[in-house]
Amino acid sequence: MYPLVQELAAEKIPVAVTCRVLGFSKQAFYKWRANPASQRDWTDAHLINAALDIQADDRAFG
């Protein structure tokens, strides 16, 4: 939902209004914006990409 808030803010819709309608605080949005991907998300993404690469290399066993 936070990327949606960011897109709407680019279209001049106030962050406060969007957050209120979606049911979370402005502080939560700004905290996410400061660090959009946690270290765990980053690590998981790398592991998933590695698994997909292995499967693409050998479809018979993937």
PDB file of N, CA and C in Angstrom:
ATOM      1  N   MET A   1       0.810  -1.186   0.000  1.00  0.00           N
ATOM      2  CA  MET A   1       0.000   0.000   0.000  1.00  0.00           C
ATOM      3  C   MET A   1       0.862   1.261   0.000  1.00  0.00           C
ATOM      4  N   TYR A   2       2.055   1.157   0.570  1.00  0.00           N
ATOM      5  CA  TYR A   2       2.901   2.351   0.635  1.00  0.00           C
ATOM      6  C   TYR A   2       3.310   2.865  -0.751  1.00  0.00           C
ATOM      7  N   PRO A   3       3.612   1.966  -1.713  1.00  0.00           N
ATOM      8  CA  PRO A   3       3.911   2.503  -3.047  1.00  0.00           C
ATOM      9  C   PRO A   3       2.730   3.279  -3.637  1.00  0.00           C
ATOM     10  N   LEU A   4       1.516   2.860  -3.322  1.00  0.00           N
ATOM     11  CA  LEU A   4       0.334   3.588  -3.791  1.00  0.00           C
ATOM     12  C   LEU A   4       0.313   4.998  -3.213  1.00  0.00           C
ATOM     13  N   VAL A   5       0.623   5.125  -1.933  1.00  0.00           N
ATOM     14  CA  VAL A   5       0.665   6.442  -1.306  1.00  0.00           C
ATOM     15  C   VAL A   5       1.696   7.314  -2.002  1.00  0.00           C
ATOM     16  N   GLN A   6       2.845   6.723  -2.314  1.00  0.00           N
ATOM     17  CA  GLN A   6       3.905   7.466  -2.982  1.00  0.00           C
ATOM     18  C   GLN A   6       3.467   7.923  -4.381  1.00  0.00           C
ATOM     19  N   GLU A   7       2.783   7.046  -5.109  1.00  0.00           N
ATOM     20  CA  GLU A   7       2.294   7.418  -6.446  1.00  0.00           C
ATOM     21  C   GLU A   7       1.256   8.539  -6.366  1.00  0.00           C
ATOM     22  N   LEU A   8       0.350   8.432  -5.408  1.00  0.00           N
ATOM     23  CA  LEU A   8      -0.676   9.463  -5.273  1.00  0.00           C
ATOM     24  C   LEU A   8      -0.066  10.787  -4.820  1.00  0.00           C
ATOM     25  N   ALA A   9       0.958  10.729  -3.986  1.00  0.00           N
ATOM     26  CA  ALA A   9       1.633  11.954  -3.562  1.00  0.00           C
ATOM     27  C   ALA A   9       2.289  12.640  -4.756  1.00  0.00           C
ATOM     28  N   ALA A  10       2.798  11.862  -5.709  1.00  0.00           N
ATOM     29  CA  ALA A  10       3.395  12.437  -6.914  1.00  0.00           C
ATOM     30  C   ALA A  10       2.342  13.147  -7.763  1.00  0.00           C
ATOM     31  N   GLU A  11       1.087  12.727  -7.612  1.00  0.00           N
ATOM     32  CA  GLU A  11      -0.021  13.358  -8.332  1.00  0.00           C
ATOM     33  C   GLU A  11      -0.684  14.463  -7.505  1.00  0.00           C
ATOM     34  N   LYS A  12       0.025  14.927  -6.477  1.00  0.00           N
ATOM     35  CA  LYS A  12      -0.407  16.054  -5.637  1.00  0.00           C
ATOM     36  C   LYS A  12      -1.564  15.731  -4.697  1.00  0.00           C
ATOM     37  N   ILE A  13      -1.761  14.466  -4.362  1.00  0.00           N
ATOM     38  CA  ILE A  13      -2.757  14.100  -3.355  1.00  0.00           C
ATOM     39  C   ILE A  13      -2.016  14.019  -2.020  1.00  0.00           C
ATOM     40  N   PRO A  14      -2.462  14.730  -1.007  1.00  0.00           N
ATOM     41  CA  PRO A  14      -1.736  14.781   0.265  1.00  0.00           C
ATOM     42  C   PRO A  14      -1.554  13.404   0.914  1.00  0.00           C
ATOM     43  N   VAL A  15      -0.371  13.188   1.429  1.00  0.00           N
ATOM     44  CA  VAL A  15      -0.048  11.922   2.091  1.00  0.00           C
ATOM     45  C   VAL A  15      -0.979  11.687   3.276  1.00  0.00           C
ATOM     46  N   ALA A  16      -1.266  12.732   4.030  1.00  0.00           N
ATOM     47  CA  ALA A  16      -2.133  12.601   5.203  1.00  0.00           C
ATOM     48  C   ALA A  16      -3.511  12.074   4.825  1.00  0.00           C
ATOM     49  N   VAL A  17      -4.061  12.570   3.737  1.00  0.00           N
ATOM     50  CA  VAL A  17      -5.395  12.140   3.296  1.00  0.00           C
ATOM     51  C   VAL A  17      -5.359  10.682   2.859  1.00  0.00           C
ATOM     52  N   THR A  18      -4.366  10.316   2.058  1.00  0.00           N
ATOM     53  CA  THR A  18      -4.265   8.951   1.566  1.00  0.00           C
ATOM     54  C   THR A  18      -4.085   7.974   2.719  1.00  0.00           C
ATOM     55  N   CYS A  19      -3.223   8.305   3.661  1.00  0.00           N
ATOM     56  CA  CYS A  19      -2.993   7.425   4.806  1.00  0.00           C
ATOM     57  C   CYS A  19      -4.254   7.267   5.650  1.00  0.00           C
ATOM     58  N   ARG A  20      -4.963   8.360   5.859  1.00  0.00           N
ATOM     59  CA  ARG A  20      -6.192   8.302   6.642  1.00  0.00           C
ATOM     60  C   ARG A  20      -7.222   7.405   5.960  1.00  0.00           C
ATOM     61  N   VAL A  21      -7.363   7.524   4.644  1.00  0.00           N
ATOM     62  CA  VAL A  21      -8.337   6.712   3.910  1.00  0.00           C
ATOM     63  C   VAL A  21      -7.947   5.230   3.944  1.00  0.00           C
ATOM     64  N   LEU A  22      -6.655   4.946   3.831  1.00  0.00           N
ATOM     65  CA  LEU A  22      -6.189   3.559   3.815  1.00  0.00           C
ATOM     66  C   LEU A  22      -6.048   2.956   5.214  1.00  0.00           C
ATOM     67  N   GLY A  23      -6.109   3.794   6.242  1.00  0.00           N
ATOM     68  CA  GLY A  23      -6.144   3.299   7.605  1.00  0.00           C
ATOM     69  C   GLY A  23      -4.809   3.079   8.280  1.00  0.00           C
ATOM     70  N   PHE A  24      -3.795   3.847   7.929  1.00  0.00           N
ATOM     71  CA  PHE A  24      -2.535   3.783   8.658  1.00  0.00           C
ATOM     72  C   PHE A  24      -1.966   5.178   8.824  1.00  0.00           C
ATOM     73  N   SER A  25      -0.923   5.277   9.634  1.00  0.00           N
ATOM     74  CA  SER A  25      -0.397   6.593   9.987  1.00  0.00           C
ATOM     75  C   SER A  25       0.600   7.116   8.967  1.00  0.00           C
ATOM     76  N   LYS A  26       0.745   8.434   8.970  1.00  0.00           N
ATOM     77  CA  LYS A  26       1.761   9.062   8.118  1.00  0.00           C
ATOM     78  C   LYS A  26       3.149   8.606   8.540  1.00  0.00           C
ATOM     79  N   GLN A  27       3.336   8.423   9.843  1.00  0.00           N
ATOM     80  CA  GLN A  27       4.644   8.017  10.343  1.00  0.00           C
ATOM     81  C   GLN A  27       5.053   6.657   9.777  1.00  0.00           C
ATOM     82  N   ALA A  28       4.110   5.747   9.663  1.00  0.00           N
ATOM     83  CA  ALA A  28       4.411   4.424   9.096  1.00  0.00           C
ATOM     84  C   ALA A  28       4.850   4.560   7.637  1.00  0.00           C
ATOM     85  N   PHE A  29       4.195   5.432   6.887  1.00  0.00           N
ATOM     86  CA  PHE A  29       4.582   5.645   5.492  1.00  0.00           C
ATOM     87  C   PHE A  29       5.985   6.222   5.398  1.00  0.00           C
ATOM     88  N   TYR A  30       6.265   7.236   6.201  1.00  0.00           N
ATOM     89  CA  TYR A  30       7.578   7.868   6.129  1.00  0.00           C
ATOM     90  C   TYR A  30       8.683   6.928   6.619  1.00  0.00           C
ATOM     91  N   LYS A  31       8.372   6.068   7.582  1.00  0.00           N
ATOM     92  CA  LYS A  31       9.341   5.064   8.024  1.00  0.00           C
ATOM     93  C   LYS A  31       9.637   4.100   6.885  1.00  0.00           C
ATOM     94  N   TRP A  32       8.605   3.647   6.169  1.00  0.00           N
ATOM     95  CA  TRP A  32       8.802   2.756   5.028  1.00  0.00           C
ATOM     96  C   TRP A  32       9.614   3.456   3.941  1.00  0.00           C
ATOM     97  N   ARG A  33       9.299   4.715   3.682  1.00  0.00           N
ATOM     98  CA  ARG A  33       9.982   5.449   2.619  1.00  0.00           C
ATOM     99  C   ARG A  33      11.477   5.601   2.908  1.00  0.00           C
ATOM    100  N   ALA A  34      11.830   5.704   4.172  1.00  0.00           N
ATOM    101  CA  ALA A  34      13.245   5.818   4.540  1.00  0.00           C
ATOM    102  C   ALA A  34      13.990   4.508   4.288  1.00  0.00           C
ATOM    103  N   ASN A  35      13.292   3.369   4.393  1.00  0.00           N
ATOM    104  CA  ASN A  35      13.914   2.063   4.178  1.00  0.00           C
ATOM    105  C   ASN A  35      12.864   1.114   3.601  1.00  0.00           C
ATOM    106  N   PRO A  36      12.601   1.178   2.287  1.00  0.00           N
ATOM    107  CA  PRO A  36      11.492   0.429   1.697  1.00  0.00           C
ATOM    108  C   PRO A  36      11.648  -1.091   1.736  1.00  0.00           C
ATOM    109  N   ALA A  37      12.862  -1.600   1.791  1.00  0.00           N
ATOM    110  CA  ALA A  37      13.056  -3.051   1.832  1.00  0.00           C
ATOM    111  C   ALA A  37      13.911  -3.409   3.042  1.00  0.00           C
ATOM    112  N   SER A  38      13.375  -4.281   3.884  1.00  0.00           N
ATOM    113  CA  SER A  38      14.150  -4.709   5.044  1.00  0.00           C
ATOM    114  C   SER A  38      15.260  -5.653   4.593  1.00  0.00           C
ATOM    115  N   GLN A  39      16.209  -5.888   5.459  1.00  0.00           N
ATOM    116  CA  GLN A  39      17.299  -6.812   5.135  1.00  0.00           C
ATOM    117  C   GLN A  39      16.747  -8.202   4.867  1.00  0.00           C
ATOM    118  N   ARG A  40      15.725  -8.616   5.602  1.00  0.00           N
ATOM    119  CA  ARG A  40      15.112  -9.930   5.406  1.00  0.00           C
ATOM    120  C   ARG A  40      14.477 -10.018   4.020  1.00  0.00           C
ATOM    121  N   ASP A  41      13.766  -8.990   3.590  1.00  0.00           N
ATOM    122  CA  ASP A  41      13.172  -8.972   2.257  1.00  0.00           C
ATOM    123  C   ASP A  41      14.250  -9.068   1.187  1.00  0.00           C
ATOM    124  N   TRP A  42      15.339  -8.332   1.385  1.00  0.00           N
ATOM    125  CA  TRP A  42      16.440  -8.320   0.428  1.00  0.00           C
ATOM    126  C   TRP A  42      17.070  -9.719   0.322  1.00  0.00           C
ATOM    127  N   THR A  43      17.314 -10.364   1.461  1.00  0.00           N
ATOM    128  CA  THR A  43      17.898 -11.702   1.479  1.00  0.00           C
ATOM    129  C   THR A  43      16.956 -12.709   0.836  1.00  0.00           C
ATOM    130  N   ASP A  44      15.675 -12.637   1.171  1.00  0.00           N
ATOM    131  CA  ASP A  44      14.697 -13.548   0.574  1.00  0.00           C
ATOM    132  C   ASP A  44      14.647 -13.403  -0.941  1.00  0.00           C
ATOM    133  N   ALA A  45      14.712 -12.182  -1.429  1.00  0.00           N
ATOM    134  CA  ALA A  45      14.667 -11.953  -2.875  1.00  0.00           C
ATOM    135  C   ALA A  45      15.876 -12.595  -3.556  1.00  0.00           C
ATOM    136  N   HIS A  46      17.040 -12.487  -2.953  1.00  0.00           N
ATOM    137  CA  HIS A  46      18.233 -13.105  -3.531  1.00  0.00           C
ATOM    138  C   HIS A  46      18.118 -14.627  -3.541  1.00  0.00           C
ATOM    139  N   LEU A  47      17.591 -15.212  -2.475  1.00  0.00           N
ATOM    140  CA  LEU A  47      17.422 -16.662  -2.419  1.00  0.00           C
ATOM    141  C   LEU A  47      16.410 -17.158  -3.458  1.00  0.00           C
ATOM    142  N   ILE A  48      15.336 -16.425  -3.612  1.00  0.00           N
ATOM    143  CA  ILE A  48      14.324 -16.802  -4.606  1.00  0.00           C
ATOM    144  C   ILE A  48      14.904 -16.721  -6.008  1.00  0.00           C
ATOM    145  N   ASN A  49      15.659 -15.657  -6.292  1.00  0.00           N
ATOM    146  CA  ASN A  49      16.285 -15.533  -7.615  1.00  0.00           C
ATOM    147  C   ASN A  49      17.270 -16.662  -7.864  1.00  0.00           C
ATOM    148  N   ALA A  50      18.025 -17.058  -6.846  1.00  0.00           N
ATOM    149  CA  ALA A  50      18.972 -18.165  -7.003  1.00  0.00           C
ATOM    150  C   ALA A  50      18.229 -19.464  -7.291  1.00  0.00           C
ATOM    151  N   ALA A  51      17.132 -19.706  -6.590  1.00  0.00           N
ATOM    152  CA  ALA A  51      16.344 -20.916  -6.825  1.00  0.00           C
ATOM    153  C   ALA A  51      15.763 -20.928  -8.242  1.00  0.00           C
ATOM    154  N   LEU A  52      15.281 -19.786  -8.693  1.00  0.00           N
ATOM    155  CA  LEU A  52      14.733 -19.714 -10.049  1.00  0.00           C
ATOM    156  C   LEU A  52      15.822 -19.939 -11.100  1.00  0.00           C
ATOM    157  N   ASP A  53      17.022 -19.416 -10.850  1.00  0.00           N
ATOM    158  CA  ASP A  53      18.137 -19.632 -11.778  1.00  0.00           C
ATOM    159  C   ASP A  53      18.509 -21.101 -11.859  1.00  0.00           C
ATOM    160  N   ILE A  54      18.530 -21.782 -10.699  1.00  0.00           N
ATOM    161  CA  ILE A  54      18.850 -23.211 -10.685  1.00  0.00           C
ATOM    162  C   ILE A  54      17.798 -23.994 -11.450  1.00  0.00           C
ATOM    163  N   GLN A  55      16.543 -23.682 -11.245  1.00  0.00           N
ATOM    164  CA  GLN A  55      15.474 -24.377 -11.950  1.00  0.00           C
ATOM    165  C   GLN A  55      15.540 -24.131 -13.449  1.00  0.00           C
ATOM    166  N   ALA A  56      15.867 -22.929 -13.858  1.00  0.00           N
ATOM    167  CA  ALA A  56      15.940 -22.602 -15.284  1.00  0.00           C
ATOM    168  C   ALA A  56      17.086 -23.360 -15.952  1.00  0.00           C
ATOM    169  N   ASP A  57      18.155 -23.620 -15.197  1.00  0.00           N
ATOM    170  CA  ASP A  57      19.293 -24.344 -15.753  1.00  0.00           C
ATOM    171  C   ASP A  57      18.976 -25.808 -16.007  1.00  0.00           C
ATOM    172  N   ASP A  58      18.124 -26.420 -15.194  1.00  0.00           N
ATOM    173  CA  ASP A  58      17.845 -27.838 -15.332  1.00  0.00           C
ATOM    174  C   ASP A  58      16.368 -28.121 -15.020  1.00  0.00           C
ATOM    175  N   ARG A  59      15.533 -27.988 -15.998  1.00  0.00           N
ATOM    176  CA  ARG A  59      14.088 -28.151 -15.811  1.00  0.00           C
ATOM    177  C   ARG A  59      13.699 -29.582 -15.444  1.00  0.00           C
ATOM    178  N   ALA A  60      14.486 -30.565 -15.804  1.00  0.00           N
ATOM    179  CA  ALA A  60      14.148 -31.957 -15.521  1.00  0.00           C
ATOM    180  C   ALA A  60      14.094 -32.231 -14.019  1.00  0.00           C
ATOM    181  N   PHE A  61      14.951 -31.575 -13.260  1.00  0.00           N
ATOM    182  CA  PHE A  61      14.990 -31.809 -11.829  1.00  0.00           C
ATOM    183  C   PHE A  61      14.405 -30.652 -11.027  1.00  0.00           C
ATOM    184  N   GLY A  62      14.017 -29.567 -11.666  1.00  0.00           N
ATOM    185  CA  GLY A  62      13.515 -28.402 -10.952  1.00  0.00           C
ATOM    186  C   GLY A  62      12.065 -28.483 -10.745  1.00  0.00           C
TER     187      GLY A  62
END
